Amino acid sequence: MQSGWKKIAEKTGLNIQVTGVPVLSYLSFNVDNKLAVETLFIKLMLEKGFLAHFSFYPCAAHTEEHLNLYFEAAEEVFSICKKANDENTVEKLLDGPVRQTDFRRLS
C-alpha cells in the first residue's frame, strides 16, 4: 500500500506523506487546504466504490485485484485533488462541508 501511494503521488505530482508500517499504513496530504483535500479524496473515492480513509489495514481478504482497482481509482482521484488544490477549487468540488476534526482521538 505504501509504495502504491508513493508511486501514484509521484506520477500525479500530489504532495503526500506515507507513514506507519506495512500492516498499518497512513496517508497524509501535504497541501495548504489539507482538510478540504482530505474531504475531496474521501468523496471521490466513495463515488468510485471505495470507502477510503487515510489509514489502511490489510487483511487476508484483500487480493491483488482489489489493490489494483484501488490504485487505479486513487490515481485518478489524486490527479483531481492535485489540480483542484493548485487552482484553489477544492471546495467547489465538494457536495457538503469540509470534514471536521473536533472529535478526533486525543491519545
C-alpha atoms as a PDB file:
ATOM      1  CA  MET A   1       0.000   0.000   0.000  1.00  0.00           C
ATOM      2  CA  GLN A   2       2.737   2.434   0.964  1.00  0.00           C
ATOM      3  CA  SER A   3       4.690   2.016  -2.257  1.00  0.00           C
ATOM      4  CA  GLY A   4       1.485   2.286  -4.291  1.00  0.00           C
ATOM      5  CA  TRP A   5       0.502   5.590  -2.693  1.00  0.00           C
ATOM      6  CA  LYS A   6       4.024   6.930  -3.220  1.00  0.00           C
ATOM      7  CA  LYS A   7       4.088   5.798  -6.846  1.00  0.00           C
ATOM      8  CA  ILE A   8       0.819   7.462  -7.811  1.00  0.00           C
ATOM      9  CA  ALA A   9       1.699  10.613  -5.847  1.00  0.00           C
ATOM     10  CA  GLU A  10       4.946  10.885  -7.782  1.00  0.00           C
ATOM     11  CA  LYS A  11       3.105  10.281 -11.049  1.00  0.00           C
ATOM     12  CA  THR A  12       0.389  12.864 -10.333  1.00  0.00           C
ATOM     13  CA  GLY A  13       2.564  15.396  -8.510  1.00  0.00           C
ATOM     14  CA  LEU A  14       0.391  15.406  -5.382  1.00  0.00           C
ATOM     15  CA  ASN A  15       2.453  16.090  -2.266  1.00  0.00           C
ATOM     16  CA  ILE A  16       1.781  13.350   0.285  1.00  0.00           C
ATOM     17  CA  GLN A  17       3.445  11.711   3.246  1.00  0.00           C
ATOM     18  CA  VAL A  18       3.163   7.995   3.940  1.00  0.00           C
ATOM     19  CA  THR A  19       3.879   6.725   7.438  1.00  0.00           C
ATOM     20  CA  GLY A  20       3.351   3.653   9.548  1.00  0.00           C
ATOM     21  CA  VAL A  21       4.303   0.079   8.861  1.00  0.00           C
ATOM     22  CA  PRO A  22       3.031  -2.134   6.029  1.00  0.00           C
ATOM     23  CA  VAL A  23       0.333  -3.677   8.233  1.00  0.00           C
ATOM     24  CA  LEU A  24      -0.907  -0.242   9.347  1.00  0.00           C
ATOM     25  CA  SER A  25      -0.190   2.441   6.769  1.00  0.00           C
ATOM     26  CA  TYR A  26      -1.198   6.095   6.931  1.00  0.00           C
ATOM     27  CA  LEU A  27      -1.650   8.636   4.153  1.00  0.00           C
ATOM     28  CA  SER A  28      -1.388  12.389   4.708  1.00  0.00           C
ATOM     29  CA  PHE A  29      -1.753  15.202   2.199  1.00  0.00           C
ATOM     30  CA  ASN A  30       0.931  17.897   2.455  1.00  0.00           C
ATOM     31  CA  VAL A  31      -1.113  20.736   0.995  1.00  0.00           C
ATOM     32  CA  ASP A  32      -2.319  24.134   2.214  1.00  0.00           C
ATOM     33  CA  ASN A  33      -6.011  23.223   2.283  1.00  0.00           C
ATOM     34  CA  LYS A  34      -5.473  19.807   3.884  1.00  0.00           C
ATOM     35  CA  LEU A  35      -8.932  19.183   5.379  1.00  0.00           C
ATOM     36  CA  ALA A  36     -10.688  20.141   2.151  1.00  0.00           C
ATOM     37  CA  VAL A  37      -8.394  17.906   0.075  1.00  0.00           C
ATOM     38  CA  GLU A  38      -8.974  15.039   2.521  1.00  0.00           C
ATOM     39  CA  THR A  39     -12.725  15.577   2.173  1.00  0.00           C
ATOM     40  CA  LEU A  40     -12.462  15.595  -1.612  1.00  0.00           C
ATOM     41  CA  PHE A  41     -10.369  12.406  -1.559  1.00  0.00           C
ATOM     42  CA  ILE A  42     -12.985  10.601   0.558  1.00  0.00           C
ATOM     43  CA  LYS A  43     -15.852  11.878  -1.627  1.00  0.00           C
ATOM     44  CA  LEU A  44     -14.264  10.947  -4.939  1.00  0.00           C
ATOM     45  CA  MET A  45     -13.104   7.523  -3.768  1.00  0.00           C
ATOM     46  CA  LEU A  46     -16.612   6.807  -2.471  1.00  0.00           C
ATOM     47  CA  GLU A  47     -18.008   7.736  -5.884  1.00  0.00           C
ATOM     48  CA  LYS A  48     -15.647   5.119  -7.345  1.00  0.00           C
ATOM     49  CA  GLY A  49     -16.898   2.458  -4.926  1.00  0.00           C
ATOM     50  CA  PHE A  50     -14.200   2.653  -2.245  1.00  0.00           C
ATOM     51  CA  LEU A  51     -14.882   3.566   1.367  1.00  0.00           C
ATOM     52  CA  ALA A  52     -11.411   5.034   1.656  1.00  0.00           C
ATOM     53  CA  HIS A  53      -9.737   6.839   4.503  1.00  0.00           C
ATOM     54  CA  PHE A  54      -6.189   7.799   5.430  1.00  0.00           C
ATOM     55  CA  SER A  55      -5.230   4.528   7.046  1.00  0.00           C
ATOM     56  CA  PHE A  56      -5.103   1.047   5.599  1.00  0.00           C
ATOM     57  CA  TYR A  57      -5.348  -2.215   7.485  1.00  0.00           C
ATOM     58  CA  PRO A  58      -4.660  -5.113   5.098  1.00  0.00           C
ATOM     59  CA  CYS A  59      -6.365  -8.430   5.653  1.00  0.00           C
ATOM     60  CA  ALA A  60      -6.397 -11.861   4.044  1.00  0.00           C
ATOM     61  CA  ALA A  61      -9.491 -10.922   2.026  1.00  0.00           C
ATOM     62  CA  HIS A  62      -7.605  -8.238   0.074  1.00  0.00           C
ATOM     63  CA  THR A  63      -6.435  -9.593  -3.257  1.00  0.00           C
ATOM     64  CA  GLU A  64      -4.020  -8.199  -5.803  1.00  0.00           C
ATOM     65  CA  GLU A  65      -7.051  -7.347  -7.937  1.00  0.00           C
ATOM     66  CA  HIS A  66      -8.564  -5.295  -5.091  1.00  0.00           C
ATOM     67  CA  LEU A  67      -5.352  -3.308  -4.733  1.00  0.00           C
ATOM     68  CA  ASN A  68      -5.039  -2.766  -8.483  1.00  0.00           C
ATOM     69  CA  LEU A  69      -8.611  -1.449  -8.668  1.00  0.00           C
ATOM     70  CA  TYR A  70      -7.992   0.781  -5.644  1.00  0.00           C
ATOM     71  CA  PHE A  71      -4.802   2.271  -7.086  1.00  0.00           C
ATOM     72  CA  GLU A  72      -6.429   2.802 -10.479  1.00  0.00           C
ATOM     73  CA  ALA A  73      -9.177   4.814  -8.779  1.00  0.00           C
ATOM     74  CA  ALA A  74      -6.758   6.572  -6.410  1.00  0.00           C
ATOM     75  CA  GLU A  75      -4.536   7.709  -9.279  1.00  0.00           C
ATOM     76  CA  GLU A  76      -7.449   9.464 -10.932  1.00  0.00           C
ATOM     77  CA  VAL A  77      -8.539  10.941  -7.588  1.00  0.00           C
ATOM     78  CA  PHE A  78      -5.006  12.123  -6.744  1.00  0.00           C
ATOM     79  CA  SER A  79      -4.896  13.894 -10.136  1.00  0.00           C
ATOM     80  CA  ILE A  80      -8.191  15.646  -9.458  1.00  0.00           C
ATOM     81  CA  CYS A  81      -7.095  16.613  -5.937  1.00  0.00           C
ATOM     82  CA  LYS A  82      -3.782  17.977  -7.236  1.00  0.00           C
ATOM     83  CA  LYS A  83      -5.438  20.073  -9.933  1.00  0.00           C
ATOM     84  CA  ALA A  84      -8.143  21.366  -7.595  1.00  0.00           C
ATOM     85  CA  ASN A  85      -5.582  22.241  -4.922  1.00  0.00           C
ATOM     86  CA  ASP A  86      -3.354  24.040  -7.437  1.00  0.00           C
ATOM     87  CA  GLU A  87      -6.323  26.006  -8.802  1.00  0.00           C
ATOM     88  CA  ASN A  88      -7.823  26.629  -5.339  1.00  0.00           C
ATOM     89  CA  THR A  89     -11.109  24.993  -6.397  1.00  0.00           C
ATOM     90  CA  VAL A  90     -11.247  22.075  -3.946  1.00  0.00           C
ATOM     91  CA  GLU A  91     -14.284  23.305  -2.012  1.00  0.00           C
ATOM     92  CA  LYS A  92     -16.209  23.922  -5.253  1.00  0.00           C
ATOM     93  CA  LEU A  93     -15.984  20.181  -5.978  1.00  0.00           C
ATOM     94  CA  LEU A  94     -17.478  19.196  -2.621  1.00  0.00           C
ATOM     95  CA  ASP A  95     -21.183  18.454  -2.183  1.00  0.00           C
ATOM     96  CA  GLY A  96     -21.112  19.299   1.501  1.00  0.00           C
ATOM     97  CA  PRO A  97     -18.967  20.820   4.209  1.00  0.00           C
ATOM     98  CA  VAL A  98     -15.273  20.203   4.733  1.00  0.00           C
ATOM     99  CA  ARG A  99     -14.677  17.439   7.245  1.00  0.00           C
ATOM    100  CA  GLN A 100     -14.154  18.456  10.848  1.00  0.00           C
ATOM    101  CA  THR A 101     -11.594  17.247  13.371  1.00  0.00           C
ATOM    102  CA  ASP A 102     -13.404  18.390  16.523  1.00  0.00           C
ATOM    103  CA  PHE A 103     -13.984  14.891  17.863  1.00  0.00           C
ATOM    104  CA  ARG A 104     -10.701  13.270  16.970  1.00  0.00           C
ATOM    105  CA  ARG A 105      -8.975  10.892  19.307  1.00  0.00           C
ATOM    106  CA  LEU A 106      -6.791  12.618  21.893  1.00  0.00           C
ATOM    107  CA  SER A 107      -4.459   9.736  22.717  1.00  0.00           C
END
